[in-house]
Amino acid sequence: MPEHSTTVRDVSALRVARAGRVEKSDDPLRPFRLLDADGTEVAAVSEFLHYMLADDARPTTLRSYAYELLA
């Protein structure tokens, strides 16, 4: 296969299995949480986000991290 292919890949047909979701919470100490595919909170991620909040991370930053960890 050549190093640089000119073939264009149609990404509109790609399907990625849903592995979970990020959910907004009403708890100000845990404004976002990551849920696995079964809807169970991923405790290690929640703990990580909680420590970030304790270190003055903004809720929007926590949301971004949660989505990155979901990916």
Protein backbone atom coordinates (compact mmCIF):
# COMPACT_ATOMS: atom_id res chain seq x y z
CA MET A 1 0.00 0.00 0.00
CA PRO A 2 1.42 3.41 -0.89
CA GLU A 3 2.41 5.67 1.95
CA HIS A 4 0.07 8.46 0.86
CA SER A 5 -3.22 7.19 -0.48
CA THR A 6 -5.53 9.42 -2.50
CA THR A 7 -8.60 7.36 -1.61
CA VAL A 8 -11.23 9.40 0.22
CA ARG A 9 -12.87 7.57 3.08
CA ASP A 10 -16.61 8.10 3.56
CA VAL A 11 -16.86 8.74 7.30
CA SER A 12 -20.61 9.43 7.14
CA ALA A 13 -21.16 5.67 7.04
CA LEU A 14 -19.16 4.97 10.20
CA ARG A 15 -21.08 3.70 13.23
CA VAL A 16 -19.49 3.74 16.67
CA ALA A 17 -21.00 1.65 19.45
CA ARG A 18 -22.25 3.72 22.35
CA ALA A 19 -20.02 2.99 25.33
CA GLY A 20 -21.70 5.29 27.82
CA ARG A 21 -22.64 8.91 28.33
CA VAL A 22 -21.86 12.05 30.29
CA GLU A 23 -24.69 13.28 32.48
CA LYS A 24 -25.20 16.63 34.20
CA SER A 25 -25.91 16.32 37.91
CA ASP A 26 -27.75 18.58 40.36
CA ASP A 27 -24.96 18.00 42.90
CA PRO A 28 -22.67 21.07 42.95
CA LEU A 29 -19.81 18.92 44.26
CA ARG A 30 -20.16 16.53 41.30
CA PRO A 31 -21.65 18.58 38.46
CA PHE A 32 -20.99 15.91 35.80
CA ARG A 33 -20.66 12.16 35.90
CA LEU A 34 -19.70 9.50 33.42
CA LEU A 35 -22.03 6.54 33.02
CA ASP A 36 -21.04 3.26 31.38
CA ALA A 37 -23.11 1.49 28.72
CA ASP A 38 -25.35 -0.02 31.44
CA GLY A 39 -26.04 3.39 33.01
CA THR A 40 -23.82 2.75 36.03
CA GLU A 41 -21.66 5.62 37.26
CA VAL A 42 -17.94 5.04 36.68
CA ALA A 43 -16.66 5.61 40.21
CA ALA A 44 -13.01 6.16 39.30
CA VAL A 45 -13.95 8.94 36.87
CA SER A 46 -16.31 10.55 39.39
CA GLU A 47 -13.55 10.55 41.98
CA PHE A 48 -11.09 12.05 39.49
CA LEU A 49 -13.54 14.82 38.54
CA HIS A 50 -14.27 15.51 42.22
CA TYR A 51 -10.55 15.98 42.93
CA MET A 52 -10.27 18.30 39.93
CA LEU A 53 -13.14 20.38 41.30
CA ALA A 54 -11.39 20.52 44.68
CA ASP A 55 -8.35 21.91 42.84
CA ASP A 56 -10.53 24.78 41.49
CA ALA A 57 -11.30 23.34 38.06
CA ARG A 58 -14.37 24.94 36.51
CA PRO A 59 -17.46 22.79 35.89
CA THR A 60 -17.04 23.30 32.14
CA THR A 61 -13.53 21.84 32.42
CA LEU A 62 -14.94 18.83 34.27
CA ARG A 63 -17.47 18.36 31.51
CA SER A 64 -14.73 18.46 28.88
CA TYR A 65 -12.62 15.92 30.76
CA ALA A 66 -15.62 13.63 31.21
CA TYR A 67 -16.29 13.66 27.45
CA GLU A 68 -12.62 13.01 26.69
CA LEU A 69 -12.61 10.04 29.07
CA LEU A 70 -15.80 8.79 27.42
CA ALA A 71 -14.08 8.90 24.03
